[in-house]
Amino acid sequence: MAEIKKIPQEMWQPIAHEERDKEKIARPSMTYWQDAWRRLKQNKLAMLGLVTIIILFMLAIFGPMFSHYSYSDQNLDLTNIPPRFEIYKIADDKFVYVRRDYNLVEVTEKGEVLDRITETQNDMINRKRIYEIDGNEVILDYSLAAKNKDNPNAKKFALYVNGQEVESYKKVFNKSYWFGSDAHGRDLYVRVLYGARISLSVAVVAAAVNFFIGVLYGGISGYAGGKTDNIMMRIVDIISTVPLMLYVIMLMVVMGSGLKTIMITLGTVYWVRMARIVRGQVLSLKEQEYVLAAKTLGASTWRILVRHLIPNAMGPIIVALT
């Protein structure tokens, strides 16, 4: 019988607190999305892009509320007014802006557009318009436009008040139409924001369809493999060979033109590329050890796909979505 080796009593010492806490976790572990958000916040350009997108969304949703006009309001007397223009002082509280078609528009000193001024006489032979404004005779001589047509920097008109030529008083911002008005007298600011609404709506719908259909379709195809994968990918090939314009024409014939047709067209076609990307990622990821461990623990196919494979393929997915 082997002799039992006795350990000296002095070797039995309590462990020090420093040694005991060596393996202690200093902070709680982060989830996948918490780690992604932490890394995103460290990238200044990415955060700048995120803030820009949020501002665009906020402007598109709430921006038109700060204008007095809707996107369809028209005023043919106030066409083609720029966002910043020169004003001319006629009297103490009378200021005008000379439009590109050589008509006078009454404005305030701060840049608020009031109304078009009707001329009392239009001398088309001598290229002059004569106005009566608060007892002052105002003559707009636009004959210089023809004389100086070859010189873009030369004066195109002259404005006379009671026989004396007046120069530009100052340049002001357009307080009525922040982005100016178009050829039909509509507010470009509101129309740009309404256009942003349409563009962002189409983008969000296309991205959502791209994500849900493309990711799930590609994930199922890659994880199933074999004949299922072959059949599903041939369907993708058939869809991708048909030009997008043909889809648009076909749907316009059936459903008519409009925003809904555009969204359906994008949703029908744009998920194909995403499906291929996700399939390629899943084909490589499904051979990893954590997938085998999940199978061993009895995880269902759907759980493995949604909780393990797709989250680990989110890098290429997010890049494709953007």
Protein backbone atom coordinates (compact mmCIF):
# COMPACT_ATOMS: atom_id res chain seq x y z
CA MET A 1 0.00 0.00 0.00
CA ALA A 2 1.36 3.32 -1.07
CA GLU A 3 2.28 5.73 1.63
CA ILE A 4 0.00 8.79 1.88
CA LYS A 5 1.99 11.94 1.43
CA LYS A 6 1.18 14.54 4.02
CA ILE A 7 1.03 18.23 2.99
CA PRO A 8 2.64 20.52 5.50
CA GLN A 9 0.25 22.74 7.46
CA GLU A 10 2.04 25.95 6.45
CA MET A 11 1.06 25.40 2.78
CA TRP A 12 -2.62 25.68 3.63
CA GLN A 13 -3.06 29.45 3.46
CA PRO A 14 -6.23 31.44 2.60
CA ILE A 15 -6.18 32.87 -0.91
CA ALA A 16 -5.67 36.61 -1.18
CA HIS A 17 -8.52 38.86 -2.31
CA GLU A 18 -6.49 39.98 -5.33
CA GLU A 19 -6.02 36.40 -6.49
CA ARG A 20 -9.68 35.54 -5.88
CA ASP A 21 -10.98 38.44 -7.98
CA LYS A 22 -8.57 37.83 -10.86
CA GLU A 23 -11.10 35.89 -12.94
CA LYS A 24 -14.04 38.10 -12.02
CA ILE A 25 -15.83 39.74 -14.98
CA ALA A 26 -15.26 43.48 -14.70
CA ARG A 27 -18.41 44.46 -16.59
CA PRO A 28 -21.49 42.67 -17.90
CA SER A 29 -21.17 41.14 -21.37
CA MET A 30 -22.76 43.02 -24.26
CA THR A 31 -25.23 41.66 -26.76
CA TYR A 32 -24.57 41.66 -30.50
CA TRP A 33 -26.55 44.87 -31.09
CA GLN A 34 -25.05 46.64 -28.06
CA ASP A 35 -21.56 45.92 -29.39
CA ALA A 36 -22.59 47.08 -32.89
CA TRP A 37 -23.99 50.35 -31.49
CA ARG A 38 -20.83 50.92 -29.43
CA ARG A 39 -18.63 50.48 -32.49
CA LEU A 40 -20.92 52.67 -34.59
CA LYS A 41 -20.67 55.53 -32.08
CA GLN A 42 -16.89 55.42 -32.36
CA ASN A 43 -17.06 56.10 -36.10
CA LYS A 44 -17.56 59.86 -36.50
CA LEU A 45 -18.40 59.73 -40.21
CA ALA A 46 -21.01 57.03 -39.62
CA MET A 47 -22.65 59.09 -36.87
CA LEU A 48 -22.58 62.16 -39.11
CA GLY A 49 -24.38 60.18 -41.81
CA LEU A 50 -26.93 58.89 -39.28
CA VAL A 51 -27.65 62.42 -38.01
CA THR A 52 -28.01 63.67 -41.59
CA ILE A 53 -30.55 60.96 -42.41
CA ILE A 54 -32.54 61.75 -39.24
CA ILE A 55 -32.56 65.46 -40.14
CA LEU A 56 -33.79 64.64 -43.66
CA PHE A 57 -36.60 62.53 -42.25
CA MET A 58 -37.60 65.26 -39.78
CA LEU A 59 -37.59 67.93 -42.49
CA ALA A 60 -39.63 65.77 -44.86
CA ILE A 61 -42.24 65.03 -42.18
CA PHE A 62 -42.51 68.35 -40.34
CA GLY A 63 -40.89 70.88 -42.74
CA PRO A 64 -44.01 71.76 -44.80
CA MET A 65 -45.81 72.78 -41.57
CA PHE A 66 -43.62 75.89 -41.36
CA SER A 67 -44.74 77.27 -44.74
CA HIS A 68 -47.90 79.20 -45.54
CA TYR A 69 -48.27 77.39 -48.87
CA SER A 70 -49.06 73.86 -49.95
CA TYR A 71 -47.20 72.06 -52.73
CA SER A 72 -50.02 72.83 -55.23
CA ASP A 73 -50.72 76.50 -54.45
CA GLN A 74 -50.08 78.71 -57.49
CA ASN A 75 -49.75 82.45 -57.94
CA LEU A 76 -48.92 83.35 -61.54
CA ASP A 77 -48.14 86.93 -60.50
CA LEU A 78 -45.21 85.75 -58.38
CA THR A 79 -43.36 83.40 -60.73
CA ASN A 80 -39.59 82.82 -60.96
CA ILE A 81 -38.61 84.67 -57.81
CA PRO A 82 -35.20 83.52 -56.51
CA PRO A 83 -34.38 82.73 -52.86
CA ARG A 84 -32.22 85.91 -52.71
CA PHE A 85 -32.74 89.02 -54.77
CA GLU A 86 -31.94 92.72 -55.07
CA ILE A 87 -34.54 95.29 -54.09
CA TYR A 88 -34.94 98.91 -55.20
CA LYS A 89 -36.27 101.71 -53.03
CA ILE A 90 -39.09 103.71 -54.62
CA ALA A 91 -40.29 105.64 -51.56
CA ASP A 92 -39.79 105.53 -47.79
CA ASP A 93 -41.77 102.31 -47.36
CA LYS A 94 -42.00 101.10 -50.97
CA PHE A 95 -39.56 98.57 -52.35
CA VAL A 96 -39.69 96.59 -55.57
CA TYR A 97 -37.93 93.64 -57.15
CA VAL A 98 -37.38 93.49 -60.91
CA ARG A 99 -38.32 90.02 -62.15
CA ARG A 100 -36.52 88.23 -65.00
CA ASP A 101 -39.41 89.00 -67.38
CA TYR A 102 -39.02 92.72 -66.48
CA ASN A 103 -42.07 93.08 -64.29
CA LEU A 104 -42.07 94.82 -60.93
CA VAL A 105 -43.00 92.93 -57.77
CA GLU A 106 -43.72 94.79 -54.56
CA VAL A 107 -41.65 93.56 -51.61
CA THR A 108 -40.85 94.71 -48.09
CA GLU A 109 -37.47 95.87 -46.90
CA LYS A 110 -37.01 92.52 -45.11
CA GLY A 111 -37.69 90.48 -48.25
CA GLU A 112 -41.35 89.52 -47.93
CA VAL A 113 -42.99 89.21 -51.37
CA LEU A 114 -46.32 91.03 -51.57
CA ASP A 115 -47.76 91.25 -55.09
CA ARG A 116 -47.03 92.06 -58.70
CA ILE A 117 -47.43 95.71 -59.66
CA THR A 118 -49.53 96.38 -62.77
CA GLU A 119 -48.04 98.87 -65.19
CA THR A 120 -50.04 101.86 -66.39
CA GLN A 121 -48.35 101.80 -69.80
CA ASN A 122 -46.29 99.22 -71.70
CA ASP A 123 -44.16 100.79 -74.44
CA MET A 124 -43.08 97.66 -76.29
CA ILE A 125 -41.44 99.62 -79.14
CA ASN A 126 -39.02 101.42 -76.83
CA ARG A 127 -38.97 98.50 -74.38
CA LYS A 128 -40.24 100.44 -71.39
CA ARG A 129 -42.83 99.82 -68.69
CA ILE A 130 -44.32 102.82 -66.89
CA TYR A 131 -45.78 102.53 -63.37
CA GLU A 132 -47.57 104.86 -60.99
CA ILE A 133 -46.53 104.00 -57.40
CA ASP A 134 -47.75 106.27 -54.57
CA GLY A 135 -47.71 109.31 -56.84
CA ASN A 136 -44.25 108.52 -58.20
CA GLU A 137 -43.64 107.83 -61.87
CA VAL A 138 -41.52 104.71 -62.15
CA ILE A 139 -40.05 103.71 -65.54
CA LEU A 140 -38.46 100.35 -66.13
CA ASP A 141 -36.23 100.56 -69.21
CA TYR A 142 -35.30 97.05 -70.35
CA SER A 143 -33.92 98.07 -73.75
CA LEU A 144 -30.42 97.46 -72.38
CA ALA A 145 -31.08 93.73 -72.48
CA ALA A 146 -30.99 93.69 -76.28
CA LYS A 147 -27.99 96.01 -76.46
CA ASN A 148 -25.92 94.02 -73.96
CA LYS A 149 -27.08 90.51 -74.87
CA ASP A 150 -23.49 89.47 -75.74
CA ASN A 151 -22.15 90.69 -72.40
CA PRO A 152 -23.58 88.63 -69.51
CA ASN A 153 -22.09 90.97 -66.88
CA ALA A 154 -23.61 94.16 -68.32
CA LYS A 155 -26.80 95.78 -67.03
CA LYS A 156 -30.02 94.44 -68.52
CA PHE A 157 -32.34 97.21 -67.35
CA ALA A 158 -32.49 100.64 -65.70
CA LEU A 159 -35.05 101.83 -63.16
CA TYR A 160 -36.05 105.52 -63.00
CA VAL A 161 -38.12 107.19 -60.28
CA ASN A 162 -39.42 110.62 -61.28
CA GLY A 163 -36.73 110.83 -63.96
CA GLN A 164 -33.81 109.84 -61.71
CA GLU A 165 -32.14 106.46 -62.01
CA VAL A 166 -32.07 104.43 -58.80
CA GLU A 167 -29.52 101.80 -57.96
CA SER A 168 -29.97 98.58 -56.04
CA TYR A 169 -30.83 99.29 -52.39
CA LYS A 170 -29.61 95.96 -50.99
CA LYS A 171 -29.84 92.21 -51.41
CA VAL A 172 -32.26 90.32 -49.18
CA PHE A 173 -33.37 86.74 -48.64
CA ASN A 174 -36.80 85.71 -49.80
CA LYS A 175 -38.92 85.55 -46.64
CA SER A 176 -42.06 84.33 -48.43
CA TYR A 177 -40.58 81.59 -50.64
CA TRP A 178 -37.47 80.31 -48.87
CA PHE A 179 -36.22 78.34 -51.90
CA GLY A 180 -37.85 80.71 -54.39
CA SER A 181 -40.85 80.13 -56.66
CA ASP A 182 -41.05 78.21 -59.92
CA ALA A 183 -42.48 79.14 -63.34
CA HIS A 184 -46.02 78.52 -62.04
CA GLY A 185 -45.64 80.56 -58.86
CA ARG A 186 -45.39 77.54 -56.53
CA ASP A 187 -43.28 77.40 -53.40
CA LEU A 188 -40.15 75.37 -54.18
CA TYR A 189 -39.39 74.79 -50.49
CA VAL A 190 -42.61 72.87 -49.90
CA ARG A 191 -42.34 71.03 -53.20
CA VAL A 192 -38.78 69.90 -52.43
CA LEU A 193 -39.87 68.56 -49.03
CA TYR A 194 -42.87 66.78 -50.53
CA GLY A 195 -40.51 65.27 -53.09
CA ALA A 196 -38.29 64.14 -50.20
CA ARG A 197 -41.34 62.46 -48.63
CA ILE A 198 -41.95 60.46 -51.81
CA SER A 199 -38.28 59.55 -52.25
CA LEU A 200 -37.87 58.47 -48.62
CA SER A 201 -41.16 56.52 -48.70
CA VAL A 202 -40.02 54.57 -51.75
CA ALA A 203 -36.58 54.02 -50.17
CA VAL A 204 -38.00 52.76 -46.85
CA VAL A 205 -40.50 50.41 -48.52
CA ALA A 206 -37.86 49.05 -50.90
CA ALA A 207 -35.40 48.53 -48.02
CA ALA A 208 -38.05 46.81 -45.87
CA VAL A 209 -39.05 44.44 -48.67
CA ASN A 210 -35.39 43.91 -49.51
CA PHE A 211 -34.68 42.96 -45.90
CA PHE A 212 -37.62 40.70 -45.08
CA ILE A 213 -37.99 38.86 -48.38
CA GLY A 214 -34.37 38.84 -49.52
CA VAL A 215 -32.87 37.87 -46.16
CA LEU A 216 -35.36 35.10 -45.42
CA TYR A 217 -35.35 33.74 -48.96
CA GLY A 218 -31.56 33.69 -49.18
CA GLY A 219 -31.22 32.28 -45.66
CA ILE A 220 -33.63 29.41 -46.29
CA SER A 221 -32.01 28.64 -49.62
CA GLY A 222 -28.48 28.58 -48.20
CA TYR A 223 -29.35 26.60 -45.07
CA ALA A 224 -31.53 24.00 -46.84
CA GLY A 225 -29.04 23.36 -49.65
CA GLY A 226 -29.39 20.57 -52.19
CA LYS A 227 -32.38 20.54 -54.54
CA THR A 228 -34.23 23.19 -52.53
CA ASP A 229 -31.33 25.60 -52.93
CA ASN A 230 -31.05 24.80 -56.63
CA ILE A 231 -34.76 25.41 -57.33
CA MET A 232 -34.89 28.62 -55.28
CA MET A 233 -31.83 30.08 -56.98
CA ARG A 234 -33.18 29.28 -60.45
CA ILE A 235 -36.29 31.30 -59.56
CA VAL A 236 -33.97 34.18 -58.58
CA ASP A 237 -32.14 33.87 -61.90
CA ILE A 238 -35.41 34.07 -63.84
CA ILE A 239 -36.54 37.19 -61.96
CA SER A 240 -33.17 38.93 -62.38
CA THR A 241 -33.05 38.35 -66.16
CA VAL A 242 -36.23 40.36 -66.77
CA PRO A 243 -35.40 44.11 -67.07
CA LEU A 244 -36.81 46.43 -64.41
CA MET A 245 -38.35 48.68 -67.05
CA LEU A 246 -40.45 45.78 -68.33
CA TYR A 247 -41.82 45.19 -64.83
CA VAL A 248 -42.74 48.86 -64.57
CA ILE A 249 -44.53 48.86 -67.94
CA MET A 250 -46.45 45.67 -67.13
CA LEU A 251 -47.59 46.94 -63.73
CA MET A 252 -48.52 50.35 -65.15
CA VAL A 253 -50.76 48.62 -67.68
CA VAL A 254 -52.44 46.56 -64.96
CA MET A 255 -52.48 49.00 -62.02
CA GLY A 256 -51.93 52.40 -63.61
CA SER A 257 -49.16 54.87 -62.83
CA GLY A 258 -48.47 56.14 -59.34
CA LEU A 259 -46.42 55.76 -56.20
CA LYS A 260 -47.97 52.38 -55.35
CA THR A 261 -46.84 50.94 -58.69
CA ILE A 262 -43.26 52.09 -58.08
CA MET A 263 -43.20 50.53 -54.60
CA ILE A 264 -44.60 47.22 -55.83
CA THR A 265 -42.10 47.12 -58.69
CA LEU A 266 -39.14 47.74 -56.40
CA GLY A 267 -40.46 45.23 -53.90
CA THR A 268 -40.84 42.61 -56.65
CA VAL A 269 -37.32 42.92 -58.03
CA TYR A 270 -34.87 44.49 -55.57
CA TRP A 271 -34.72 41.59 -53.08
CA VAL A 272 -32.93 39.35 -55.61
CA ARG A 273 -29.43 40.72 -54.96
CA MET A 274 -29.96 40.56 -51.20
CA ALA A 275 -31.04 36.92 -51.44
CA ARG A 276 -27.82 36.01 -53.24
CA ILE A 277 -25.67 37.82 -50.67
CA VAL A 278 -27.39 36.17 -47.70
CA ARG A 279 -27.28 32.73 -49.34
CA GLY A 280 -23.51 33.01 -49.80
CA GLN A 281 -23.03 34.06 -46.18
CA VAL A 282 -25.26 31.29 -44.81
CA LEU A 283 -23.49 28.65 -46.89
CA SER A 284 -20.22 29.48 -45.14
CA LEU A 285 -21.67 30.11 -41.67
CA LYS A 286 -23.76 26.94 -41.37
CA GLU A 287 -20.57 24.84 -41.10
CA GLN A 288 -19.42 26.70 -37.98
CA GLU A 289 -19.19 24.98 -34.59
CA TYR A 290 -21.86 27.09 -32.90
CA VAL A 291 -24.42 25.87 -35.46
CA LEU A 292 -23.49 22.26 -34.65
CA ALA A 293 -23.77 23.05 -30.95
CA ALA A 294 -27.23 24.55 -31.46
CA LYS A 295 -28.32 21.43 -33.36
CA THR A 296 -26.96 19.21 -30.59
CA LEU A 297 -28.96 21.15 -28.00
CA GLY A 298 -32.11 20.55 -30.04
CA ALA A 299 -32.61 24.04 -31.58
CA SER A 300 -35.09 24.10 -34.44
CA THR A 301 -34.11 25.04 -38.00
CA TRP A 302 -35.99 28.33 -37.73
CA ARG A 303 -34.23 29.26 -34.48
CA ILE A 304 -30.80 28.45 -35.90
CA LEU A 305 -31.53 30.55 -38.97
CA VAL A 306 -33.03 33.56 -37.19
CA ARG A 307 -31.00 33.61 -33.96
CA HIS A 308 -27.60 32.42 -35.17
CA LEU A 309 -27.01 32.57 -38.92
CA ILE A 310 -28.73 35.80 -39.99
CA PRO A 311 -27.37 37.94 -37.07
CA ASN A 312 -23.84 36.80 -37.91
CA ALA A 313 -24.39 37.82 -41.55
CA MET A 314 -25.67 41.31 -40.67
CA GLY A 315 -22.50 43.08 -41.87
CA PRO A 316 -22.99 42.41 -45.61
CA ILE A 317 -26.78 42.73 -45.16
CA ILE A 318 -26.56 46.27 -43.75
CA VAL A 319 -24.09 47.32 -46.44
CA ALA A 320 -26.46 46.00 -49.14
CA LEU A 321 -29.45 47.75 -47.53
CA THR A 322 -27.75 51.13 -47.48
